Amino acid sequence: MKKFLTIFITILILSTGLFVYFKYYYVFATGVKSGVLNYAVYKGNLFKTYEGKLIQQGFGAQKSGSFQSYEFAFSVDDSAVFHQLERNSGKVFDLHYREYHGRLPWRGHSVYIVDSILAMRDQ
């Protein structure tokens, strides 16, 4: 019985560790989003994080002749990247991001974490 309990607890700890890793620390996807920076803010009650929103323009199929706007809400993990975004609101950015399955309160309010700015230009 003691051996069974030891094996069971070991399997439980390992499976919990794997779940936490894949849910919160495994990078599910990486990519680049382009658009106009709508805002960049430093917010939070307990954990202050850097947040932003990018507005992507595209053609939508809702009405003929109209534009459909796409919003990309993201968090930023590097204060230097955030300060560059903050100083250049309203410009067009190409942002490199990592996507996770879950969010952590100290990492940000989004599963998308911007880690670098690839390009910045005026509209």
PDB file of N, CA and C in Angstrom:
ATOM      1  N   MET A   1       0.825  -1.195   0.000  1.00  0.00           N
ATOM      2  CA  MET A   1       0.000   0.000   0.000  1.00  0.00           C
ATOM      3  C   MET A   1       0.870   1.260   0.000  1.00  0.00           C
ATOM      4  N   LYS A   2       1.986   1.220   0.717  1.00  0.00           N
ATOM      5  CA  LYS A   2       2.883   2.365   0.807  1.00  0.00           C
ATOM      6  C   LYS A   2       3.537   2.638  -0.545  1.00  0.00           C
ATOM      7  N   LYS A   3       3.900   1.569  -1.255  1.00  0.00           N
ATOM      8  CA  LYS A   3       4.515   1.711  -2.572  1.00  0.00           C
ATOM      9  C   LYS A   3       3.509   2.292  -3.577  1.00  0.00           C
ATOM     10  N   PHE A   4       2.277   1.834  -3.527  1.00  0.00           N
ATOM     11  CA  PHE A   4       1.232   2.346  -4.402  1.00  0.00           C
ATOM     12  C   PHE A   4       0.988   3.833  -4.157  1.00  0.00           C
ATOM     13  N   LEU A   5       0.935   4.236  -2.892  1.00  0.00           N
ATOM     14  CA  LEU A   5       0.713   5.632  -2.535  1.00  0.00           C
ATOM     15  C   LEU A   5       1.864   6.513  -3.022  1.00  0.00           C
ATOM     16  N   THR A   6       3.093   6.041  -2.912  1.00  0.00           N
ATOM     17  CA  THR A   6       4.265   6.787  -3.384  1.00  0.00           C
ATOM     18  C   THR A   6       4.216   6.969  -4.904  1.00  0.00           C
ATOM     19  N   ILE A   7       3.892   5.904  -5.620  1.00  0.00           N
ATOM     20  CA  ILE A   7       3.793   5.978  -7.078  1.00  0.00           C
ATOM     21  C   ILE A   7       2.654   6.911  -7.490  1.00  0.00           C
ATOM     22  N   PHE A   8       1.514   6.797  -6.821  1.00  0.00           N
ATOM     23  CA  PHE A   8       0.362   7.641  -7.128  1.00  0.00           C
ATOM     24  C   PHE A   8       0.683   9.122  -6.906  1.00  0.00           C
ATOM     25  N   ILE A   9       1.306   9.469  -5.811  1.00  0.00           N
ATOM     26  CA  ILE A   9       1.654  10.865  -5.507  1.00  0.00           C
ATOM     27  C   ILE A   9       2.686  11.381  -6.502  1.00  0.00           C
ATOM     28  N   THR A  10       3.653  10.548  -6.877  1.00  0.00           N
ATOM     29  CA  THR A  10       4.657  10.949  -7.863  1.00  0.00           C
ATOM     30  C   THR A  10       4.009  11.237  -9.217  1.00  0.00           C
ATOM     31  N   ILE A  11       3.119  10.366  -9.656  1.00  0.00           N
ATOM     32  CA  ILE A  11       2.414  10.581 -10.923  1.00  0.00           C
ATOM     33  C   ILE A  11       1.536  11.831 -10.849  1.00  0.00           C
ATOM     34  N   LEU A  12       0.892  12.055  -9.723  1.00  0.00           N
ATOM     35  CA  LEU A  12       0.047  13.236  -9.542  1.00  0.00           C
ATOM     36  C   LEU A  12       0.869  14.522  -9.616  1.00  0.00           C
ATOM     37  N   ILE A  13       2.022  14.546  -8.959  1.00  0.00           N
ATOM     38  CA  ILE A  13       2.891  15.726  -8.978  1.00  0.00           C
ATOM     39  C   ILE A  13       3.431  15.971 -10.387  1.00  0.00           C
ATOM     40  N   LEU A  14       3.882  14.919 -11.073  1.00  0.00           N
ATOM     41  CA  LEU A  14       4.393  15.071 -12.429  1.00  0.00           C
ATOM     42  C   LEU A  14       3.316  15.545 -13.403  1.00  0.00           C
ATOM     43  N   SER A  15       2.125  14.975 -13.310  1.00  0.00           N
ATOM     44  CA  SER A  15       1.053  15.384 -14.226  1.00  0.00           C
ATOM     45  C   SER A  15       0.603  16.820 -13.943  1.00  0.00           C
ATOM     46  N   THR A  16       0.569  17.229 -12.692  1.00  0.00           N
ATOM     47  CA  THR A  16       0.236  18.619 -12.359  1.00  0.00           C
ATOM     48  C   THR A  16       1.308  19.565 -12.888  1.00  0.00           C
ATOM     49  N   GLY A  17       2.568  19.185 -12.735  1.00  0.00           N
ATOM     50  CA  GLY A  17       3.661  19.998 -13.258  1.00  0.00           C
ATOM     51  C   GLY A  17       3.605  20.139 -14.767  1.00  0.00           C
ATOM     52  N   LEU A  18       3.319  19.044 -15.474  1.00  0.00           N
ATOM     53  CA  LEU A  18       3.185  19.100 -16.931  1.00  0.00           C
ATOM     54  C   LEU A  18       2.004  19.969 -17.357  1.00  0.00           C
ATOM     55  N   PHE A  19       0.895  19.856 -16.645  1.00  0.00           N
ATOM     56  CA  PHE A  19      -0.272  20.681 -16.962  1.00  0.00           C
ATOM     57  C   PHE A  19       0.050  22.167 -16.797  1.00  0.00           C
ATOM     58  N   VAL A  20       0.665  22.524 -15.688  1.00  0.00           N
ATOM     59  CA  VAL A  20       1.012  23.934 -15.440  1.00  0.00           C
ATOM     60  C   VAL A  20       1.988  24.427 -16.492  1.00  0.00           C
ATOM     61  N   TYR A  21       2.977  23.619 -16.847  1.00  0.00           N
ATOM     62  CA  TYR A  21       3.943  24.019 -17.860  1.00  0.00           C
ATOM     63  C   TYR A  21       3.262  24.283 -19.202  1.00  0.00           C
ATOM     64  N   PHE A  22       2.457  23.334 -19.683  1.00  0.00           N
ATOM     65  CA  PHE A  22       1.825  23.494 -20.991  1.00  0.00           C
ATOM     66  C   PHE A  22       0.745  24.570 -20.993  1.00  0.00           C
ATOM     67  N   LYS A  23       0.099  24.797 -19.869  1.00  0.00           N
ATOM     68  CA  LYS A  23      -0.958  25.814 -19.810  1.00  0.00           C
ATOM     69  C   LYS A  23      -0.385  27.233 -19.727  1.00  0.00           C
ATOM     70  N   TYR A  24       0.688  27.442 -18.966  1.00  0.00           N
ATOM     71  CA  TYR A  24       1.137  28.797 -18.667  1.00  0.00           C
ATOM     72  C   TYR A  24       2.531  29.161 -19.175  1.00  0.00           C
ATOM     73  N   TYR A  25       3.375  28.195 -19.492  1.00  0.00           N
ATOM     74  CA  TYR A  25       4.757  28.513 -19.857  1.00  0.00           C
ATOM     75  C   TYR A  25       5.168  28.026 -21.240  1.00  0.00           C
ATOM     76  N   TYR A  26       4.436  27.106 -21.818  1.00  0.00           N
ATOM     77  CA  TYR A  26       4.747  26.593 -23.151  1.00  0.00           C
ATOM     78  C   TYR A  26       4.285  27.612 -24.182  1.00  0.00           C
ATOM     79  N   VAL A  27       5.189  28.021 -25.074  1.00  0.00           N
ATOM     80  CA  VAL A  27       4.842  28.975 -26.127  1.00  0.00           C
ATOM     81  C   VAL A  27       4.083  28.218 -27.212  1.00  0.00           C
ATOM     82  N   PHE A  28       2.803  28.513 -27.325  1.00  0.00           N
ATOM     83  CA  PHE A  28       1.924  27.847 -28.269  1.00  0.00           C
ATOM     84  C   PHE A  28       2.191  28.316 -29.695  1.00  0.00           C
ATOM     85  N   ALA A  29       2.429  29.615 -29.873  1.00  0.00           N
ATOM     86  CA  ALA A  29       2.649  30.162 -31.210  1.00  0.00           C
ATOM     87  C   ALA A  29       3.457  31.449 -31.115  1.00  0.00           C
ATOM     88  N   THR A  30       4.152  31.768 -32.185  1.00  0.00           N
ATOM     89  CA  THR A  30       4.818  33.066 -32.316  1.00  0.00           C
ATOM     90  C   THR A  30       4.400  33.654 -33.650  1.00  0.00           C
ATOM     91  N   GLY A  31       4.443  34.966 -33.725  1.00  0.00           N
ATOM     92  CA  GLY A  31       4.041  35.590 -34.970  1.00  0.00           C
ATOM     93  C   GLY A  31       4.266  37.081 -34.965  1.00  0.00           C
ATOM     94  N   VAL A  32       3.769  37.726 -36.004  1.00  0.00           N
ATOM     95  CA  VAL A  32       3.895  39.165 -36.181  1.00  0.00           C
ATOM     96  C   VAL A  32       2.518  39.728 -36.490  1.00  0.00           C
ATOM     97  N   LYS A  33       2.166  40.814 -35.827  1.00  0.00           N
ATOM     98  CA  LYS A  33       0.939  41.543 -36.112  1.00  0.00           C
ATOM     99  C   LYS A  33       1.314  42.962 -36.495  1.00  0.00           C
ATOM    100  N   SER A  34       0.623  43.506 -37.477  1.00  0.00           N
ATOM    101  CA  SER A  34       0.855  44.870 -37.938  1.00  0.00           C
ATOM    102  C   SER A  34      -0.423  45.672 -37.801  1.00  0.00           C
ATOM    103  N   GLY A  35      -0.266  46.936 -37.431  1.00  0.00           N
ATOM    104  CA  GLY A  35      -1.418  47.814 -37.328  1.00  0.00           C
ATOM    105  C   GLY A  35      -1.061  49.106 -36.630  1.00  0.00           C
ATOM    106  N   VAL A  36      -2.071  49.923 -36.444  1.00  0.00           N
ATOM    107  CA  VAL A  36      -1.909  51.221 -35.787  1.00  0.00           C
ATOM    108  C   VAL A  36      -2.066  51.025 -34.285  1.00  0.00           C
ATOM    109  N   LEU A  37      -1.114  51.555 -33.526  1.00  0.00           N
ATOM    110  CA  LEU A  37      -1.186  51.443 -32.064  1.00  0.00           C
ATOM    111  C   LEU A  37      -2.281  52.352 -31.546  1.00  0.00           C
ATOM    112  N   ASN A  38      -3.279  51.766 -30.915  1.00  0.00           N
ATOM    113  CA  ASN A  38      -4.400  52.521 -30.367  1.00  0.00           C
ATOM    114  C   ASN A  38      -4.044  53.084 -28.995  1.00  0.00           C
ATOM    115  N   TYR A  39      -3.519  52.240 -28.101  1.00  0.00           N
ATOM    116  CA  TYR A  39      -3.098  52.726 -26.797  1.00  0.00           C
ATOM    117  C   TYR A  39      -2.069  51.796 -26.178  1.00  0.00           C
ATOM    118  N   ALA A  40      -1.327  52.348 -25.231  1.00  0.00           N
ATOM    119  CA  ALA A  40      -0.376  51.592 -24.415  1.00  0.00           C
ATOM    120  C   ALA A  40      -0.529  52.106 -22.991  1.00  0.00           C
ATOM    121  N   VAL A  41      -0.850  51.217 -22.047  1.00  0.00           N
ATOM    122  CA  VAL A  41      -1.110  51.614 -20.664  1.00  0.00           C
ATOM    123  C   VAL A  41      -0.369  50.699 -19.696  1.00  0.00           C
ATOM    124  N   TYR A  42      -0.139  51.232 -18.511  1.00  0.00           N
ATOM    125  CA  TYR A  42       0.438  50.488 -17.391  1.00  0.00           C
ATOM    126  C   TYR A  42      -0.666  50.390 -16.358  1.00  0.00           C
ATOM    127  N   LYS A  43      -1.237  49.182 -16.163  1.00  0.00           N
ATOM    128  CA  LYS A  43      -2.404  49.084 -15.305  1.00  0.00           C
ATOM    129  C   LYS A  43      -2.413  47.799 -14.499  1.00  0.00           C
ATOM    130  N   GLY A  44      -3.281  47.781 -13.504  1.00  0.00           N
ATOM    131  CA  GLY A  44      -3.468  46.597 -12.683  1.00  0.00           C
ATOM    132  C   GLY A  44      -3.706  46.964 -11.241  1.00  0.00           C
ATOM    133  N   ASN A  45      -4.427  46.130 -10.520  1.00  0.00           N
ATOM    134  CA  ASN A  45      -4.685  46.367  -9.103  1.00  0.00           C
ATOM    135  C   ASN A  45      -3.560  45.836  -8.234  1.00  0.00           C
ATOM    136  N   LEU A  46      -3.298  44.567  -8.324  1.00  0.00           N
ATOM    137  CA  LEU A  46      -2.252  43.943  -7.518  1.00  0.00           C
ATOM    138  C   LEU A  46      -0.957  43.814  -8.303  1.00  0.00           C
ATOM    139  N   PHE A  47      -1.055  43.342  -9.532  1.00  0.00           N
ATOM    140  CA  PHE A  47       0.096  43.202 -10.417  1.00  0.00           C
ATOM    141  C   PHE A  47      -0.019  44.236 -11.533  1.00  0.00           C
ATOM    142  N   LYS A  48       0.872  45.208 -11.560  1.00  0.00           N
ATOM    143  CA  LYS A  48       0.884  46.223 -12.610  1.00  0.00           C
ATOM    144  C   LYS A  48       1.565  45.631 -13.835  1.00  0.00           C
ATOM    145  N   THR A  49       0.891  45.689 -14.965  1.00  0.00           N
ATOM    146  CA  THR A  49       1.430  45.140 -16.205  1.00  0.00           C
ATOM    147  C   THR A  49       1.275  46.152 -17.330  1.00  0.00           C
ATOM    148  N   TYR A  50       2.067  45.968 -18.374  1.00  0.00           N
ATOM    149  CA  TYR A  50       2.022  46.813 -19.557  1.00  0.00           C
ATOM    150  C   TYR A  50       1.059  46.194 -20.557  1.00  0.00           C
ATOM    151  N   GLU A  51       0.077  46.976 -20.997  1.00  0.00           N
ATOM    152  CA  GLU A  51      -0.949  46.493 -21.910  1.00  0.00           C
ATOM    153  C   GLU A  51      -1.056  47.430 -23.107  1.00  0.00           C
ATOM    154  N   GLY A  52      -1.533  46.905 -24.220  1.00  0.00           N
ATOM    155  CA  GLY A  52      -1.723  47.733 -25.403  1.00  0.00           C
ATOM    156  C   GLY A  52      -2.746  47.136 -26.339  1.00  0.00           C
ATOM    157  N   LYS A  53      -3.118  47.943 -27.320  1.00  0.00           N
ATOM    158  CA  LYS A  53      -4.066  47.482 -28.331  1.00  0.00           C
ATOM    159  C   LYS A  53      -3.634  48.015 -29.687  1.00  0.00           C
ATOM    160  N   LEU A  54      -3.634  47.118 -30.649  1.00  0.00           N
ATOM    161  CA  LEU A  54      -3.268  47.425 -32.027  1.00  0.00           C
ATOM    162  C   LEU A  54      -4.532  47.298 -32.878  1.00  0.00           C
ATOM    163  N   ILE A  55      -4.768  48.257 -33.744  1.00  0.00           N
ATOM    164  CA  ILE A  55      -5.912  48.208 -34.643  1.00  0.00           C
ATOM    165  C   ILE A  55      -5.405  47.800 -36.022  1.00  0.00           C
ATOM    166  N   GLN A  56      -5.873  46.643 -36.494  1.00  0.00           N
ATOM    167  CA  GLN A  56      -5.502  46.147 -37.811  1.00  0.00           C
ATOM    168  C   GLN A  56      -6.624  46.446 -38.773  1.00  0.00           C
ATOM    169  N   GLN A  57      -6.291  46.902 -39.958  1.00  0.00           N
ATOM    170  CA  GLN A  57      -7.319  47.181 -40.944  1.00  0.00           C
ATOM    171  C   GLN A  57      -7.361  46.065 -41.966  1.00  0.00           C
ATOM    172  N   GLY A  58      -8.557  45.768 -42.416  1.00  0.00           N
ATOM    173  CA  GLY A  58      -8.728  44.730 -43.409  1.00  0.00           C
ATOM    174  C   GLY A  58     -10.056  44.876 -44.094  1.00  0.00           C
ATOM    175  N   PHE A  59     -10.249  44.083 -45.097  1.00  0.00           N
ATOM    176  CA  PHE A  59     -11.512  44.098 -45.818  1.00  0.00           C
ATOM    177  C   PHE A  59     -12.435  43.077 -45.193  1.00  0.00           C
ATOM    178  N   GLY A  60     -13.640  43.488 -44.858  1.00  0.00           N
ATOM    179  CA  GLY A  60     -14.602  42.582 -44.242  1.00  0.00           C
ATOM    180  C   GLY A  60     -15.688  42.192 -45.219  1.00  0.00           C
ATOM    181  N   ALA A  61     -16.355  41.117 -44.918  1.00  0.00           N
ATOM    182  CA  ALA A  61     -17.435  40.637 -45.783  1.00  0.00           C
ATOM    183  C   ALA A  61     -18.805  41.016 -45.235  1.00  0.00           C
ATOM    184  N   GLN A  62     -18.828  41.916 -44.234  1.00  0.00           N
ATOM    185  CA  GLN A  62     -20.106  42.262 -43.629  1.00  0.00           C
ATOM    186  C   GLN A  62     -20.964  43.097 -44.577  1.00  0.00           C
ATOM    187  N   LYS A  63     -20.404  44.160 -45.123  1.00  0.00           N
ATOM    188  CA  LYS A  63     -21.118  45.020 -46.069  1.00  0.00           C
ATOM    189  C   LYS A  63     -20.163  45.322 -47.214  1.00  0.00           C
ATOM    190  N   SER A  64     -20.694  45.391 -48.398  1.00  0.00           N
ATOM    191  CA  SER A  64     -19.812  45.679 -49.528  1.00  0.00           C
ATOM    192  C   SER A  64     -19.334  47.122 -49.455  1.00  0.00           C
ATOM    193  N   GLY A  65     -18.057  47.313 -49.718  1.00  0.00           N
ATOM    194  CA  GLY A  65     -17.492  48.649 -49.707  1.00  0.00           C
ATOM    195  C   GLY A  65     -17.117  49.170 -48.336  1.00  0.00           C
ATOM    196  N   SER A  66     -17.189  48.354 -47.292  1.00  0.00           N
ATOM    197  CA  SER A  66     -16.866  48.818 -45.937  1.00  0.00           C
ATOM    198  C   SER A  66     -15.611  48.127 -45.425  1.00  0.00           C
ATOM    199  N   PHE A  67     -14.997  48.762 -44.472  1.00  0.00           N
ATOM    200  CA  PHE A  67     -13.825  48.191 -43.826  1.00  0.00           C
ATOM    201  C   PHE A  67     -14.244  47.530 -42.522  1.00  0.00           C
ATOM    202  N   GLN A  68     -13.569  46.453 -42.184  1.00  0.00           N
ATOM    203  CA  GLN A  68     -13.800  45.790 -40.913  1.00  0.00           C
ATOM    204  C   GLN A  68     -12.543  45.959 -40.085  1.00  0.00           C
ATOM    205  N   SER A  69     -12.678  46.407 -38.866  1.00  0.00           N
ATOM    206  CA  SER A  69     -11.524  46.661 -38.013  1.00  0.00           C
ATOM    207  C   SER A  69     -11.262  45.460 -37.111  1.00  0.00           C
ATOM    208  N   TYR A  70     -10.011  45.101 -36.967  1.00  0.00           N
ATOM    209  CA  TYR A  70      -9.604  44.017 -36.090  1.00  0.00           C
ATOM    210  C   TYR A  70      -8.766  44.606 -34.965  1.00  0.00           C
ATOM    211  N   GLU A  71      -9.049  44.218 -33.750  1.00  0.00           N
ATOM    212  CA  GLU A  71      -8.293  44.696 -32.597  1.00  0.00           C
ATOM    213  C   GLU A  71      -7.421  43.567 -32.073  1.00  0.00           C
ATOM    214  N   PHE A  72      -6.182  43.890 -31.768  1.00  0.00           N
ATOM    215  CA  PHE A  72      -5.238  42.936 -31.204  1.00  0.00           C
ATOM    216  C   PHE A  72      -4.811  43.467 -29.843  1.00  0.00           C
ATOM    217  N   ALA A  73      -5.399  42.921 -28.782  1.00  0.00           N
ATOM    218  CA  ALA A  73      -5.046  43.302 -27.418  1.00  0.00           C
ATOM    219  C   ALA A  73      -3.870  42.447 -26.976  1.00  0.00           C
ATOM    220  N   PHE A  74      -2.872  43.077 -26.373  1.00  0.00           N
ATOM    221  CA  PHE A  74      -1.656  42.359 -26.011  1.00  0.00           C
ATOM    222  C   PHE A  74      -1.077  42.900 -24.720  1.00  0.00           C
ATOM    223  N   SER A  75      -0.162  42.128 -24.145  1.00  0.00           N
ATOM    224  CA  SER A  75       0.624  42.538 -22.993  1.00  0.00           C
ATOM    225  C   SER A  75       2.077  42.650 -23.433  1.00  0.00           C
ATOM    226  N   VAL A  76       2.847  43.436 -22.696  1.00  0.00           N
ATOM    227  CA  VAL A  76       4.265  43.641 -23.011  1.00  0.00           C
ATOM    228  C   VAL A  76       5.065  43.239 -21.790  1.00  0.00           C
ATOM    229  N   ASP A  77       6.122  42.435 -21.995  1.00  0.00           N
ATOM    230  CA  ASP A  77       6.914  41.983 -20.851  1.00  0.00           C
ATOM    231  C   ASP A  77       8.195  42.786 -20.644  1.00  0.00           C
ATOM    232  N   ASP A  78       8.541  43.659 -21.565  1.00  0.00           N
ATOM    233  CA  ASP A  78       9.780  44.436 -21.469  1.00  0.00           C
ATOM    234  C   ASP A  78       9.427  45.921 -21.366  1.00  0.00           C
ATOM    235  N   SER A  79       9.899  46.575 -20.311  1.00  0.00           N
ATOM    236  CA  SER A  79       9.562  47.985 -20.116  1.00  0.00           C
ATOM    237  C   SER A  79      10.137  48.871 -21.214  1.00  0.00           C
ATOM    238  N   ALA A  80      11.290  48.524 -21.780  1.00  0.00           N
ATOM    239  CA  ALA A  80      11.867  49.330 -22.866  1.00  0.00           C
ATOM    240  C   ALA A  80      10.980  49.287 -24.105  1.00  0.00           C
ATOM    241  N   VAL A  81      10.441  48.127 -24.424  1.00  0.00           N
ATOM    242  CA  VAL A  81       9.522  48.003 -25.559  1.00  0.00           C
ATOM    243  C   VAL A  81       8.257  48.814 -25.281  1.00  0.00           C
ATOM    244  N   PHE A  82       7.748  48.723 -24.057  1.00  0.00           N
ATOM    245  CA  PHE A  82       6.541  49.481 -23.700  1.00  0.00           C
ATOM    246  C   PHE A  82       6.766  50.983 -23.834  1.00  0.00           C
ATOM    247  N   HIS A  83       7.896  51.486 -23.350  1.00  0.00           N
ATOM    248  CA  HIS A  83       8.146  52.923 -23.412  1.00  0.00           C
ATOM    249  C   HIS A  83       8.279  53.406 -24.857  1.00  0.00           C
ATOM    250  N   GLN A  84       8.814  52.590 -25.736  1.00  0.00           N
ATOM    251  CA  GLN A  84       8.868  52.959 -27.147  1.00  0.00           C
ATOM    252  C   GLN A  84       7.458  52.999 -27.746  1.00  0.00           C
ATOM    253  N   LEU A  85       6.611  52.054 -27.372  1.00  0.00           N
ATOM    254  CA  LEU A  85       5.223  52.072 -27.826  1.00  0.00           C
ATOM    255  C   LEU A  85       4.495  53.296 -27.272  1.00  0.00           C
ATOM    256  N   GLU A  86       4.705  53.576 -26.007  1.00  0.00           N
ATOM    257  CA  GLU A  86       4.028  54.684 -25.335  1.00  0.00           C
ATOM    258  C   GLU A  86       4.364  56.028 -25.985  1.00  0.00           C
ATOM    259  N   ARG A  87       5.605  56.205 -26.383  1.00  0.00           N
ATOM    260  CA  ARG A  87       6.039  57.466 -26.988  1.00  0.00           C
ATOM    261  C   ARG A  87       5.568  57.623 -28.437  1.00  0.00           C
ATOM    262  N   ASN A  88       5.135  56.550 -29.076  1.00  0.00           N
ATOM    263  CA  ASN A  88       4.798  56.592 -30.498  1.00  0.00           C
ATOM    264  C   ASN A  88       3.378  56.118 -30.790  1.00  0.00           C
ATOM    265  N   SER A  89       2.452  56.433 -29.919  1.00  0.00           N
ATOM    266  CA  SER A  89       1.058  56.044 -30.125  1.00  0.00           C
ATOM    267  C   SER A  89       0.519  56.682 -31.400  1.00  0.00           C
ATOM    268  N   GLY A  90      -0.246  55.919 -32.165  1.00  0.00           N
ATOM    269  CA  GLY A  90      -0.812  56.406 -33.410  1.00  0.00           C
ATOM    270  C   GLY A  90       0.000  56.037 -34.634  1.00  0.00           C
ATOM    271  N   LYS A  91       1.191  55.482 -34.440  1.00  0.00           N
ATOM    272  CA  LYS A  91       2.015  55.054 -35.574  1.00  0.00           C
ATOM    273  C   LYS A  91       1.709  53.594 -35.919  1.00  0.00           C
ATOM    274  N   VAL A  92       2.176  53.174 -37.073  1.00  0.00           N
ATOM    275  CA  VAL A  92       1.991  51.792 -37.522  1.00  0.00           C
ATOM    276  C   VAL A  92       3.174  50.968 -37.027  1.00  0.00           C
ATOM    277  N   PHE A  93       2.882  49.850 -36.388  1.00  0.00           N
ATOM    278  CA  PHE A  93       3.913  48.978 -35.819  1.00  0.00           C
ATOM    279  C   PHE A  93       3.806  47.584 -36.391  1.00  0.00           C
ATOM    280  N   ASP A  94       4.942  46.914 -36.491  1.00  0.00           N
ATOM    281  CA  ASP A  94       5.018  45.474 -36.718  1.00  0.00           C
ATOM    282  C   ASP A  94       5.556  44.887 -35.422  1.00  0.00           C
ATOM    283  N   LEU A  95       4.715  44.151 -34.697  1.00  0.00           N
ATOM    284  CA  LEU A  95       5.064  43.636 -33.381  1.00  0.00           C
ATOM    285  C   LEU A  95       5.239  42.126 -33.422  1.00  0.00           C
ATOM    286  N   HIS A  96       6.328  41.643 -32.840  1.00  0.00           N
ATOM    287  CA  HIS A  96       6.542  40.204 -32.693  1.00  0.00           C
ATOM    288  C   HIS A  96       5.968  39.778 -31.352  1.00  0.00           C
ATOM    289  N   TYR A  97       5.210  38.683 -31.336  1.00  0.00           N
ATOM    290  CA  TYR A  97       4.545  38.248 -30.111  1.00  0.00           C
ATOM    291  C   TYR A  97       4.680  36.746 -29.901  1.00  0.00           C
ATOM    292  N   ARG A  98       4.461  36.344 -28.657  1.00  0.00           N
ATOM    293  CA  ARG A  98       4.358  34.936 -28.264  1.00  0.00           C
ATOM    294  C   ARG A  98       2.947  34.709 -27.735  1.00  0.00           C
ATOM    295  N   GLU A  99       2.375  33.560 -28.073  1.00  0.00           N
ATOM    296  CA  GLU A  99       1.035  33.226 -27.583  1.00  0.00           C
ATOM    297  C   GLU A  99       1.116  32.019 -26.657  1.00  0.00           C
ATOM    298  N   TYR A 100       0.454  32.118 -25.516  1.00  0.00           N
ATOM    299  CA  TYR A 100       0.388  31.040 -24.531  1.00  0.00           C
ATOM    300  C   TYR A 100      -1.053  30.531 -24.446  1.00  0.00           C
ATOM    301  N   HIS A 101      -1.245  29.361 -23.856  1.00  0.00           N
ATOM    302  CA  HIS A 101      -2.593  28.815 -23.674  1.00  0.00           C
ATOM    303  C   HIS A 101      -3.341  29.525 -22.555  1.00  0.00           C
ATOM    304  N   GLY A 102      -2.638  29.980 -21.540  1.00  0.00           N
ATOM    305  CA  GLY A 102      -3.268  30.640 -20.403  1.00  0.00           C
ATOM    306  C   GLY A 102      -2.497  31.885 -20.009  1.00  0.00           C
ATOM    307  N   ARG A 103      -3.126  32.731 -19.231  1.00  0.00           N
ATOM    308  CA  ARG A 103      -2.464  33.954 -18.791  1.00  0.00           C
ATOM    309  C   ARG A 103      -2.150  33.885 -17.310  1.00  0.00           C
ATOM    310  N   LEU A 104      -1.096  34.561 -16.937  1.00  0.00           N
ATOM    311  CA  LEU A 104      -0.700  34.684 -15.541  1.00  0.00           C
ATOM    312  C   LEU A 104      -0.872  36.138 -15.128  1.00  0.00           C
ATOM    313  N   PRO A 105      -1.352  36.404 -13.920  1.00  0.00           N
ATOM    314  CA  PRO A 105      -1.647  37.789 -13.529  1.00  0.00           C
ATOM    315  C   PRO A 105      -0.418  38.704 -13.563  1.00  0.00           C
ATOM    316  N   TRP A 106       0.762  38.196 -13.281  1.00  0.00           N
ATOM    317  CA  TRP A 106       1.959  39.031 -13.286  1.00  0.00           C
ATOM    318  C   TRP A 106       2.570  39.168 -14.672  1.00  0.00           C
ATOM    319  N   ARG A 107       2.078  38.385 -15.635  1.00  0.00           N
ATOM    320  CA  ARG A 107       2.584  38.476 -17.004  1.00  0.00           C
ATOM    321  C   ARG A 107       1.723  39.401 -17.851  1.00  0.00           C
ATOM    322  N   GLY A 108       0.466  39.582 -17.502  1.00  0.00           N
ATOM    323  CA  GLY A 108      -0.391  40.483 -18.250  1.00  0.00           C
ATOM    324  C   GLY A 108      -1.827  40.014 -18.312  1.00  0.00           C
ATOM    325  N   HIS A 109      -2.668  40.817 -18.954  1.00  0.00           N
ATOM    326  CA  HIS A 109      -4.097  40.531 -19.059  1.00  0.00           C
ATOM    327  C   HIS A 109      -4.435  39.752 -20.319  1.00  0.00           C
ATOM    328  N   SER A 110      -3.441  39.394 -21.100  1.00  0.00           N
ATOM    329  CA  SER A 110      -3.676  38.730 -22.380  1.00  0.00           C
ATOM    330  C   SER A 110      -2.779  37.503 -22.514  1.00  0.00           C
ATOM    331  N   VAL A 111      -3.169  36.603 -23.399  1.00  0.00           N
ATOM    332  CA  VAL A 111      -2.317  35.450 -23.698  1.00  0.00           C
ATOM    333  C   VAL A 111      -1.278  35.802 -24.754  1.00  0.00           C
ATOM    334  N   TYR A 112      -1.401  36.990 -25.359  1.00  0.00           N
ATOM    335  CA  TYR A 112      -0.442  37.467 -26.355  1.00  0.00           C
ATOM    336  C   TYR A 112       0.560  38.396 -25.679  1.00  0.00           C
ATOM    337  N   ILE A 113       1.840  38.026 -25.720  1.00  0.00           N
ATOM    338  CA  ILE A 113       2.899  38.805 -25.083  1.00  0.00           C
ATOM    339  C   ILE A 113       3.826  39.332 -26.176  1.00  0.00           C
ATOM    340  N   VAL A 114       3.867  40.659 -26.327  1.00  0.00           N
ATOM    341  CA  VAL A 114       4.750  41.286 -27.308  1.00  0.00           C
ATOM    342  C   VAL A 114       6.140  41.365 -26.701  1.00  0.00           C
ATOM    343  N   ASP A 115       7.134  40.852 -27.443  1.00  0.00           N
ATOM    344  CA  ASP A 115       8.500  40.857 -26.928  1.00  0.00           C
ATOM    345  C   ASP A 115       9.445  41.759 -27.697  1.00  0.00           C
ATOM    346  N   SER A 116       9.038  42.213 -28.904  1.00  0.00           N
ATOM    347  CA  SER A 116       9.913  43.117 -29.656  1.00  0.00           C
ATOM    348  C   SER A 116       9.125  43.870 -30.716  1.00  0.00           C
ATOM    349  N   ILE A 117       9.703  44.988 -31.133  1.00  0.00           N
ATOM    350  CA  ILE A 117       9.152  45.796 -32.213  1.00  0.00           C
ATOM    351  C   ILE A 117      10.024  45.560 -33.436  1.00  0.00           C
ATOM    352  N   LEU A 118       9.435  45.057 -34.510  1.00  0.00           N
ATOM    353  CA  LEU A 118      10.189  44.783 -35.726  1.00  0.00           C
ATOM    354  C   LEU A 118      10.324  46.006 -36.606  1.00  0.00           C
ATOM    355  N   ALA A 119       9.253  46.807 -36.688  1.00  0.00           N
ATOM    356  CA  ALA A 119       9.281  48.009 -37.523  1.00  0.00           C
ATOM    357  C   ALA A 119       8.276  49.006 -36.981  1.00  0.00           C
ATOM    358  N   MET A 120       8.561  50.301 -37.240  1.00  0.00           N
ATOM    359  CA  MET A 120       7.660  51.369 -36.837  1.00  0.00           C
ATOM    360  C   MET A 120       7.700  52.421 -37.945  1.00  0.00           C
ATOM    361  N   ARG A 121       6.526  52.910 -38.328  1.00  0.00           N
ATOM    362  CA  ARG A 121       6.465  53.921 -39.380  1.00  0.00           C
ATOM    363  C   ARG A 121       5.220  54.791 -39.193  1.00  0.00           C
ATOM    364  N   ASP A 122       5.237  55.968 -39.823  1.00  0.00           N
ATOM    365  CA  ASP A 122       4.063  56.835 -39.815  1.00  0.00           C
ATOM    366  C   ASP A 122       3.019  56.269 -40.753  1.00  0.00           C
ATOM    367  N   GLN A 123       1.788  56.696 -40.559  1.00  0.00           N
ATOM    368  CA  GLN A 123       0.686  56.182 -41.385  1.00  0.00           C
ATOM    369  C   GLN A 123       0.784  56.631 -42.805  1.00  0.00           C
TER     370      GLN A 123
END
